[in-house]
Amino acid sequence: MAQRRRQAQAYLDLTRIHRMIERRSAELLAAQGLRDVTPAQAGALMVLFQARAPLRARALAGALGLSEVTVGRFVHALHDAGWVRRDPDPDDSRAILLAPTPKAYRALPRFIAVSNALLDEAFAGFSAAEVDRVAQTTERLRRNILGEPARASDDDAV
């Protein structure tokens, strides 16, 4: 019973942390003058920046772990606000390629500042080993939820 209680508390803590991250991200975006971008949309933009090449919506959805419908809403809003370019895929007439616009690239330093500030706040006082343990544990939780097989290194994660 104590184990189940600890699991429930950890789950509740994770959901609270997620909400806190969303709220703090919105505050940091606003402080950078990026009020027309939600934290989730900023995450989509960061994936597009990191890709360094246009992505199909399906690939963006996969990278974000979200449905194509949800990502479609993000993309529509980002496109309307001038943050994302939508181009036909020359290899598939049904697909659209997504890429950041020049406006987005000009704002990239501000998006990076938001990301860095959030990471600095979240991991303040953590040693490199502690950050590694958090990363390993959250990856293990993600794989468990997705039903992916455990890795041999999982036993070392906790």
N, C-alpha and C. Protein backbone atom coordinates (compact mmCIF):
# COMPACT_ATOMS: atom_id res chain seq x y z
N MET A 1 0.81 -1.19 0.00
CA MET A 1 0.00 0.00 0.00
C MET A 1 0.86 1.26 0.00
N ALA A 2 1.94 1.26 0.76
CA ALA A 2 2.83 2.43 0.80
C ALA A 2 3.44 2.68 -0.58
N GLN A 3 3.76 1.60 -1.29
CA GLN A 3 4.33 1.72 -2.64
C GLN A 3 3.32 2.39 -3.57
N ARG A 4 2.06 1.97 -3.53
CA ARG A 4 1.02 2.55 -4.38
C ARG A 4 0.83 4.03 -4.04
N ARG A 5 0.89 4.36 -2.77
CA ARG A 5 0.74 5.75 -2.35
C ARG A 5 1.89 6.60 -2.91
N ARG A 6 3.11 6.06 -2.86
CA ARG A 6 4.27 6.78 -3.41
C ARG A 6 4.13 6.95 -4.92
N GLN A 7 3.62 5.89 -5.59
CA GLN A 7 3.40 6.00 -7.04
C GLN A 7 2.37 7.08 -7.35
N ALA A 8 1.27 7.08 -6.61
CA ALA A 8 0.22 8.07 -6.83
C ALA A 8 0.75 9.48 -6.58
N GLN A 9 1.54 9.64 -5.53
CA GLN A 9 2.11 10.95 -5.23
C GLN A 9 3.07 11.39 -6.34
N ALA A 10 3.89 10.47 -6.82
CA ALA A 10 4.82 10.80 -7.90
C ALA A 10 4.06 11.21 -9.16
N TYR A 11 2.98 10.49 -9.47
CA TYR A 11 2.16 10.83 -10.63
C TYR A 11 1.57 12.23 -10.48
N LEU A 12 1.00 12.50 -9.31
CA LEU A 12 0.42 13.83 -9.07
C LEU A 12 1.49 14.92 -9.16
N ASP A 13 2.68 14.63 -8.63
CA ASP A 13 3.77 15.59 -8.72
C ASP A 13 4.15 15.86 -10.17
N LEU A 14 4.21 14.81 -10.99
CA LEU A 14 4.54 14.99 -12.40
C LEU A 14 3.51 15.85 -13.12
N THR A 15 2.23 15.62 -12.84
CA THR A 15 1.20 16.44 -13.49
C THR A 15 1.28 17.89 -13.01
N ARG A 16 1.56 18.08 -11.73
CA ARG A 16 1.71 19.45 -11.22
C ARG A 16 2.92 20.14 -11.85
N ILE A 17 4.01 19.41 -11.95
CA ILE A 17 5.23 19.97 -12.55
C ILE A 17 4.96 20.35 -14.00
N HIS A 18 4.24 19.51 -14.72
CA HIS A 18 3.90 19.82 -16.11
C HIS A 18 3.13 21.14 -16.19
N ARG A 19 2.13 21.29 -15.35
CA ARG A 19 1.34 22.53 -15.35
C ARG A 19 2.20 23.74 -14.97
N MET A 20 3.10 23.54 -14.01
CA MET A 20 3.98 24.63 -13.60
C MET A 20 4.92 25.03 -14.74
N ILE A 21 5.43 24.04 -15.47
CA ILE A 21 6.30 24.32 -16.61
C ILE A 21 5.54 25.10 -17.68
N GLU A 22 4.31 24.68 -17.97
CA GLU A 22 3.49 25.39 -18.96
C GLU A 22 3.26 26.84 -18.54
N ARG A 23 2.90 27.04 -17.29
CA ARG A 23 2.64 28.38 -16.77
C ARG A 23 3.91 29.24 -16.82
N ARG A 24 5.02 28.68 -16.36
CA ARG A 24 6.27 29.44 -16.35
C ARG A 24 6.75 29.72 -17.78
N SER A 25 6.57 28.76 -18.67
CA SER A 25 6.94 28.97 -20.08
C SER A 25 6.16 30.14 -20.66
N ALA A 26 4.86 30.20 -20.38
CA ALA A 26 4.03 31.30 -20.88
C ALA A 26 4.53 32.64 -20.34
N GLU A 27 4.90 32.67 -19.07
CA GLU A 27 5.43 33.91 -18.48
C GLU A 27 6.73 34.33 -19.16
N LEU A 28 7.61 33.36 -19.38
CA LEU A 28 8.90 33.66 -20.00
C LEU A 28 8.73 34.08 -21.46
N LEU A 29 7.81 33.43 -22.18
CA LEU A 29 7.53 33.83 -23.56
C LEU A 29 7.02 35.28 -23.59
N ALA A 30 6.10 35.60 -22.70
CA ALA A 30 5.56 36.96 -22.64
C ALA A 30 6.66 37.97 -22.32
N ALA A 31 7.55 37.62 -21.40
CA ALA A 31 8.64 38.51 -21.03
C ALA A 31 9.58 38.78 -22.20
N GLN A 32 9.65 37.83 -23.13
CA GLN A 32 10.48 37.98 -24.32
C GLN A 32 9.71 38.63 -25.47
N GLY A 33 8.48 39.06 -25.22
CA GLY A 33 7.68 39.68 -26.27
C GLY A 33 7.07 38.69 -27.24
N LEU A 34 6.97 37.44 -26.83
CA LEU A 34 6.43 36.37 -27.68
C LEU A 34 5.04 35.97 -27.19
N ARG A 35 4.19 36.95 -27.02
CA ARG A 35 2.86 36.72 -26.44
C ARG A 35 1.92 35.96 -27.37
N ASP A 36 2.21 35.96 -28.67
CA ASP A 36 1.32 35.28 -29.61
C ASP A 36 1.70 33.81 -29.83
N VAL A 37 2.60 33.29 -29.01
CA VAL A 37 3.02 31.89 -29.11
C VAL A 37 2.76 31.21 -27.77
N THR A 38 2.02 30.11 -27.79
CA THR A 38 1.80 29.35 -26.57
C THR A 38 3.02 28.48 -26.28
N PRO A 39 3.17 27.98 -25.06
CA PRO A 39 4.28 27.08 -24.78
C PRO A 39 4.29 25.86 -25.71
N ALA A 40 3.14 25.29 -26.00
CA ALA A 40 3.09 24.13 -26.89
C ALA A 40 3.52 24.50 -28.31
N GLN A 41 3.09 25.66 -28.78
CA GLN A 41 3.50 26.12 -30.10
C GLN A 41 5.00 26.40 -30.14
N ALA A 42 5.53 26.96 -29.05
CA ALA A 42 6.97 27.21 -28.97
C ALA A 42 7.73 25.89 -29.04
N GLY A 43 7.19 24.84 -28.41
CA GLY A 43 7.81 23.52 -28.50
C GLY A 43 7.85 23.02 -29.93
N ALA A 44 6.76 23.23 -30.66
CA ALA A 44 6.72 22.82 -32.07
C ALA A 44 7.74 23.60 -32.88
N LEU A 45 7.84 24.89 -32.63
CA LEU A 45 8.84 25.70 -33.33
C LEU A 45 10.25 25.22 -33.03
N MET A 46 10.52 24.88 -31.77
CA MET A 46 11.86 24.42 -31.41
C MET A 46 12.21 23.13 -32.15
N VAL A 47 11.24 22.24 -32.31
CA VAL A 47 11.49 21.01 -33.08
C VAL A 47 11.81 21.37 -34.53
N LEU A 48 11.07 22.30 -35.10
CA LEU A 48 11.34 22.72 -36.48
C LEU A 48 12.70 23.38 -36.61
N PHE A 49 13.10 24.20 -35.63
CA PHE A 49 14.43 24.80 -35.65
C PHE A 49 15.51 23.71 -35.61
N GLN A 50 15.33 22.74 -34.72
CA GLN A 50 16.33 21.69 -34.55
C GLN A 50 16.43 20.77 -35.76
N ALA A 51 15.34 20.64 -36.51
CA ALA A 51 15.34 19.75 -37.67
C ALA A 51 16.27 20.26 -38.77
N ARG A 52 16.43 21.55 -38.87
CA ARG A 52 17.30 22.18 -39.87
C ARG A 52 16.90 21.88 -41.31
N ALA A 53 15.72 21.33 -41.47
CA ALA A 53 15.14 21.06 -42.80
C ALA A 53 13.64 20.99 -42.60
N PRO A 54 12.87 21.30 -43.64
CA PRO A 54 11.41 21.23 -43.49
C PRO A 54 10.96 19.83 -43.06
N LEU A 55 9.92 19.79 -42.24
CA LEU A 55 9.35 18.53 -41.76
C LEU A 55 7.91 18.40 -42.21
N ARG A 56 7.49 17.18 -42.43
CA ARG A 56 6.07 16.91 -42.64
C ARG A 56 5.36 17.01 -41.30
N ALA A 57 4.08 17.33 -41.35
CA ALA A 57 3.29 17.45 -40.11
C ALA A 57 3.33 16.15 -39.32
N ARG A 58 3.30 15.02 -40.00
CA ARG A 58 3.34 13.72 -39.32
C ARG A 58 4.64 13.57 -38.53
N ALA A 59 5.76 13.98 -39.12
CA ALA A 59 7.05 13.88 -38.42
C ALA A 59 7.08 14.83 -37.22
N LEU A 60 6.51 16.01 -37.38
CA LEU A 60 6.45 16.96 -36.27
C LEU A 60 5.60 16.39 -35.14
N ALA A 61 4.46 15.81 -35.50
CA ALA A 61 3.58 15.20 -34.49
C ALA A 61 4.32 14.09 -33.75
N GLY A 62 5.04 13.25 -34.48
CA GLY A 62 5.80 12.17 -33.86
C GLY A 62 6.87 12.70 -32.92
N ALA A 63 7.57 13.74 -33.33
CA ALA A 63 8.62 14.31 -32.49
C ALA A 63 8.05 14.91 -31.21
N LEU A 64 6.83 15.44 -31.30
CA LEU A 64 6.20 16.05 -30.13
C LEU A 64 5.40 15.06 -29.30
N GLY A 65 5.15 13.87 -29.85
CA GLY A 65 4.33 12.88 -29.14
C GLY A 65 2.87 13.29 -29.09
N LEU A 66 2.41 13.99 -30.13
CA LEU A 66 1.04 14.49 -30.17
C LEU A 66 0.34 13.97 -31.42
N SER A 67 -0.98 14.10 -31.45
CA SER A 67 -1.73 13.67 -32.62
C SER A 67 -1.53 14.66 -33.76
N GLU A 68 -1.73 14.18 -34.98
CA GLU A 68 -1.62 15.07 -36.13
C GLU A 68 -2.67 16.17 -36.09
N VAL A 69 -3.84 15.87 -35.55
CA VAL A 69 -4.90 16.88 -35.44
C VAL A 69 -4.45 18.02 -34.53
N THR A 70 -3.88 17.67 -33.38
CA THR A 70 -3.40 18.68 -32.44
C THR A 70 -2.31 19.52 -33.08
N VAL A 71 -1.35 18.86 -33.71
CA VAL A 71 -0.26 19.57 -34.36
C VAL A 71 -0.79 20.43 -35.50
N GLY A 72 -1.82 19.95 -36.19
CA GLY A 72 -2.43 20.74 -37.25
C GLY A 72 -2.97 22.06 -36.73
N ARG A 73 -3.55 22.04 -35.53
CA ARG A 73 -4.04 23.28 -34.92
C ARG A 73 -2.88 24.22 -34.60
N PHE A 74 -1.79 23.66 -34.05
CA PHE A 74 -0.60 24.47 -33.76
C PHE A 74 -0.10 25.13 -35.03
N VAL A 75 0.05 24.31 -36.07
CA VAL A 75 0.61 24.78 -37.33
C VAL A 75 -0.27 25.87 -37.93
N HIS A 76 -1.57 25.67 -37.89
CA HIS A 76 -2.49 26.67 -38.43
C HIS A 76 -2.30 28.01 -37.72
N ALA A 77 -2.26 27.98 -36.40
CA ALA A 77 -2.08 29.21 -35.62
C ALA A 77 -0.70 29.83 -35.87
N LEU A 78 0.33 29.00 -35.92
CA LEU A 78 1.68 29.51 -36.16
C LEU A 78 1.80 30.10 -37.57
N HIS A 79 1.17 29.46 -38.53
CA HIS A 79 1.18 29.96 -39.91
C HIS A 79 0.46 31.30 -39.98
N ASP A 80 -0.72 31.37 -39.38
CA ASP A 80 -1.50 32.61 -39.39
C ASP A 80 -0.74 33.77 -38.74
N ALA A 81 0.07 33.46 -37.74
CA ALA A 81 0.84 34.50 -37.03
C ALA A 81 2.19 34.79 -37.70
N GLY A 82 2.49 34.06 -38.79
CA GLY A 82 3.72 34.31 -39.53
C GLY A 82 4.96 33.62 -39.00
N TRP A 83 4.78 32.62 -38.14
CA TRP A 83 5.92 31.91 -37.56
C TRP A 83 6.36 30.70 -38.39
N VAL A 84 5.43 30.10 -39.13
CA VAL A 84 5.72 28.86 -39.85
C VAL A 84 5.31 29.02 -41.31
N ARG A 85 6.13 28.46 -42.17
CA ARG A 85 5.87 28.40 -43.60
C ARG A 85 5.34 27.02 -43.94
N ARG A 86 4.34 26.97 -44.80
CA ARG A 86 3.78 25.69 -45.26
C ARG A 86 3.99 25.59 -46.76
N ASP A 87 4.75 24.58 -47.18
CA ASP A 87 5.04 24.39 -48.60
C ASP A 87 4.62 23.00 -49.03
N PRO A 88 4.19 22.85 -50.29
CA PRO A 88 3.85 21.50 -50.78
C PRO A 88 5.10 20.62 -50.78
N ASP A 89 4.92 19.37 -50.45
CA ASP A 89 6.02 18.40 -50.47
C ASP A 89 6.20 17.95 -51.92
N PRO A 90 7.37 18.17 -52.51
CA PRO A 90 7.56 17.76 -53.91
C PRO A 90 7.50 16.24 -54.11
N ASP A 91 7.69 15.48 -53.04
CA ASP A 91 7.66 14.02 -53.13
C ASP A 91 6.29 13.43 -52.88
N ASP A 92 5.36 14.21 -52.34
CA ASP A 92 4.02 13.71 -52.02
C ASP A 92 3.04 14.87 -52.08
N SER A 93 2.21 14.87 -53.10
CA SER A 93 1.30 16.00 -53.32
C SER A 93 0.28 16.16 -52.19
N ARG A 94 0.09 15.12 -51.38
CA ARG A 94 -0.86 15.21 -50.27
C ARG A 94 -0.24 15.82 -49.02
N ALA A 95 1.07 15.87 -48.97
CA ALA A 95 1.77 16.30 -47.75
C ALA A 95 2.21 17.76 -47.85
N ILE A 96 2.35 18.36 -46.69
CA ILE A 96 2.83 19.74 -46.55
C ILE A 96 4.13 19.70 -45.75
N LEU A 97 5.10 20.48 -46.19
CA LEU A 97 6.34 20.62 -45.46
C LEU A 97 6.28 21.90 -44.62
N LEU A 98 6.76 21.79 -43.40
CA LEU A 98 6.71 22.89 -42.44
C LEU A 98 8.12 23.37 -42.13
N ALA A 99 8.28 24.67 -42.06
CA ALA A 99 9.58 25.24 -41.72
C ALA A 99 9.37 26.60 -41.06
N PRO A 100 10.29 26.98 -40.19
CA PRO A 100 10.20 28.32 -39.58
C PRO A 100 10.37 29.40 -40.66
N THR A 101 9.71 30.52 -40.45
CA THR A 101 9.83 31.66 -41.36
C THR A 101 11.02 32.53 -40.95
N PRO A 102 11.40 33.49 -41.79
CA PRO A 102 12.44 34.44 -41.37
C PRO A 102 12.09 35.14 -40.05
N LYS A 103 10.81 35.45 -39.84
CA LYS A 103 10.37 36.05 -38.57
C LYS A 103 10.75 35.14 -37.40
N ALA A 104 10.52 33.84 -37.57
CA ALA A 104 10.83 32.88 -36.51
C ALA A 104 12.34 32.82 -36.26
N TYR A 105 13.12 32.80 -37.34
CA TYR A 105 14.58 32.75 -37.17
C TYR A 105 15.11 34.02 -36.49
N ARG A 106 14.50 35.16 -36.79
CA ARG A 106 14.92 36.39 -36.10
C ARG A 106 14.63 36.31 -34.61
N ALA A 107 13.57 35.61 -34.24
CA ALA A 107 13.19 35.48 -32.83
C ALA A 107 13.86 34.30 -32.14
N LEU A 108 14.61 33.49 -32.89
CA LEU A 108 15.23 32.29 -32.30
C LEU A 108 16.02 32.59 -31.03
N PRO A 109 16.83 33.65 -30.97
CA PRO A 109 17.54 33.92 -29.71
C PRO A 109 16.60 34.11 -28.52
N ARG A 110 15.42 34.68 -28.76
CA ARG A 110 14.46 34.86 -27.66
C ARG A 110 13.86 33.52 -27.24
N PHE A 111 13.59 32.64 -28.21
CA PHE A 111 13.08 31.30 -27.86
C PHE A 111 14.14 30.53 -27.08
N ILE A 112 15.39 30.64 -27.49
CA ILE A 112 16.48 29.97 -26.78
C ILE A 112 16.61 30.54 -25.37
N ALA A 113 16.45 31.85 -25.23
CA ALA A 113 16.52 32.47 -23.89
C ALA A 113 15.43 31.92 -22.98
N VAL A 114 14.23 31.74 -23.52
CA VAL A 114 13.13 31.16 -22.74
C VAL A 114 13.49 29.75 -22.30
N SER A 115 13.96 28.95 -23.24
CA SER A 115 14.32 27.56 -22.94
C SER A 115 15.43 27.50 -21.89
N ASN A 116 16.47 28.30 -22.08
CA ASN A 116 17.58 28.30 -21.13
C ASN A 116 17.14 28.75 -19.74
N ALA A 117 16.31 29.78 -19.68
CA ALA A 117 15.84 30.26 -18.37
C ALA A 117 15.03 29.19 -17.66
N LEU A 118 14.17 28.51 -18.40
CA LEU A 118 13.35 27.46 -17.81
C LEU A 118 14.22 26.31 -17.30
N LEU A 119 15.19 25.89 -18.11
CA LEU A 119 16.08 24.81 -17.70
C LEU A 119 16.92 25.22 -16.49
N ASP A 120 17.42 26.44 -16.51
CA ASP A 120 18.22 26.92 -15.37
C ASP A 120 17.40 26.92 -14.09
N GLU A 121 16.15 27.37 -14.17
CA GLU A 121 15.28 27.38 -12.99
C GLU A 121 14.96 25.96 -12.52
N ALA A 122 14.60 25.11 -13.46
CA ALA A 122 14.16 23.76 -13.10
C ALA A 122 15.30 22.93 -12.49
N PHE A 123 16.50 23.10 -13.01
CA PHE A 123 17.60 22.25 -12.58
C PHE A 123 18.60 22.98 -11.68
N ALA A 124 18.20 24.10 -11.10
CA ALA A 124 19.07 24.84 -10.19
C ALA A 124 19.50 23.93 -9.03
N GLY A 125 20.80 23.88 -8.79
CA GLY A 125 21.31 23.09 -7.68
C GLY A 125 21.51 21.61 -7.98
N PHE A 126 21.13 21.15 -9.17
CA PHE A 126 21.31 19.74 -9.53
C PHE A 126 22.74 19.51 -10.01
N SER A 127 23.32 18.39 -9.59
CA SER A 127 24.61 17.98 -10.14
C SER A 127 24.36 17.33 -11.50
N ALA A 128 25.42 17.15 -12.27
CA ALA A 128 25.29 16.48 -13.57
C ALA A 128 24.73 15.07 -13.38
N ALA A 129 25.16 14.38 -12.33
CA ALA A 129 24.66 13.02 -12.07
C ALA A 129 23.16 13.05 -11.75
N GLU A 130 22.72 14.05 -11.02
CA GLU A 130 21.29 14.16 -10.70
C GLU A 130 20.46 14.43 -11.95
N VAL A 131 20.97 15.29 -12.82
CA VAL A 131 20.27 15.56 -14.09
C VAL A 131 20.19 14.27 -14.91
N ASP A 132 21.29 13.51 -14.94
CA ASP A 132 21.29 12.22 -15.66
C ASP A 132 20.24 11.28 -15.09
N ARG A 133 20.12 11.20 -13.78
CA ARG A 133 19.13 10.32 -13.16
C ARG A 133 17.71 10.75 -13.51
N VAL A 134 17.45 12.05 -13.48
CA VAL A 134 16.12 12.55 -13.87
C VAL A 134 15.84 12.17 -15.32
N ALA A 135 16.81 12.38 -16.19
CA ALA A 135 16.63 12.07 -17.61
C ALA A 135 16.37 10.57 -17.81
N GLN A 136 17.13 9.73 -17.14
CA GLN A 136 16.94 8.28 -17.26
C GLN A 136 15.59 7.85 -16.71
N THR A 137 15.20 8.40 -15.59
CA THR A 137 13.94 8.02 -14.96
C THR A 137 12.75 8.46 -15.81
N THR A 138 12.79 9.69 -16.31
CA THR A 138 11.66 10.15 -17.13
C THR A 138 11.60 9.38 -18.44
N GLU A 139 12.75 9.02 -19.00
CA GLU A 139 12.75 8.21 -20.22
C GLU A 139 12.14 6.84 -19.95
N ARG A 140 12.47 6.27 -18.80
CA ARG A 140 11.90 4.97 -18.44
C ARG A 140 10.38 5.07 -18.25
N LEU A 141 9.92 6.12 -17.60
CA LEU A 141 8.47 6.34 -17.45
C LEU A 141 7.80 6.45 -18.82
N ARG A 142 8.42 7.21 -19.72
CA ARG A 142 7.87 7.39 -21.06
C ARG A 142 7.75 6.05 -21.78
N ARG A 143 8.81 5.25 -21.71
CA ARG A 143 8.78 3.93 -22.38
C ARG A 143 7.73 3.02 -21.74
N ASN A 144 7.63 3.04 -20.42
CA ASN A 144 6.61 2.21 -19.74
C ASN A 144 5.21 2.59 -20.22
N ILE A 145 4.93 3.88 -20.27
CA ILE A 145 3.60 4.33 -20.67
C ILE A 145 3.30 3.95 -22.12
N LEU A 146 4.33 3.99 -22.96
CA LEU A 146 4.15 3.61 -24.37
C LEU A 146 4.18 2.10 -24.58
N GLY A 147 4.48 1.35 -23.52
CA GLY A 147 4.52 -0.11 -23.63
C GLY A 147 5.77 -0.61 -24.35
N GLU A 148 6.82 0.20 -24.35
CA GLU A 148 8.07 -0.21 -24.98
C GLU A 148 8.84 -1.11 -24.03
N PRO A 149 9.65 -2.01 -24.58
CA PRO A 149 10.41 -2.92 -23.70
C PRO A 149 11.44 -2.17 -22.87
N ALA A 150 11.69 -2.72 -21.70
CA ALA A 150 12.71 -2.16 -20.81
C ALA A 150 14.08 -2.38 -21.42
N ARG A 151 15.01 -1.53 -21.06
CA ARG A 151 16.40 -1.67 -21.50
C ARG A 151 17.21 -2.19 -20.33
N ALA A 152 18.32 -2.82 -20.64
CA ALA A 152 19.20 -3.34 -19.59
C ALA A 152 19.66 -2.22 -18.66
N SER A 153 19.84 -1.02 -19.21
CA SER A 153 20.31 0.11 -18.40
C SER A 153 19.24 0.67 -17.47
N ASP A 154 17.97 0.22 -17.63
CA ASP A 154 16.89 0.74 -16.79
C ASP A 154 17.12 0.45 -15.31
N ASP A 155 17.74 -0.65 -15.00
CA ASP A 155 17.97 -0.99 -13.60
C ASP A 155 18.92 0.00 -12.93
N ASP A 156 19.77 0.65 -13.74
CA ASP A 156 20.71 1.63 -13.20
C ASP A 156 20.10 3.01 -13.06
N ALA A 157 18.90 3.21 -13.64
CA ALA A 157 18.32 4.55 -13.71
C ALA A 157 17.80 5.04 -12.37
N VAL A 158 17.41 4.15 -11.50
CA VAL A 158 16.79 4.60 -10.26
C VAL A 158 17.57 4.27 -9.03
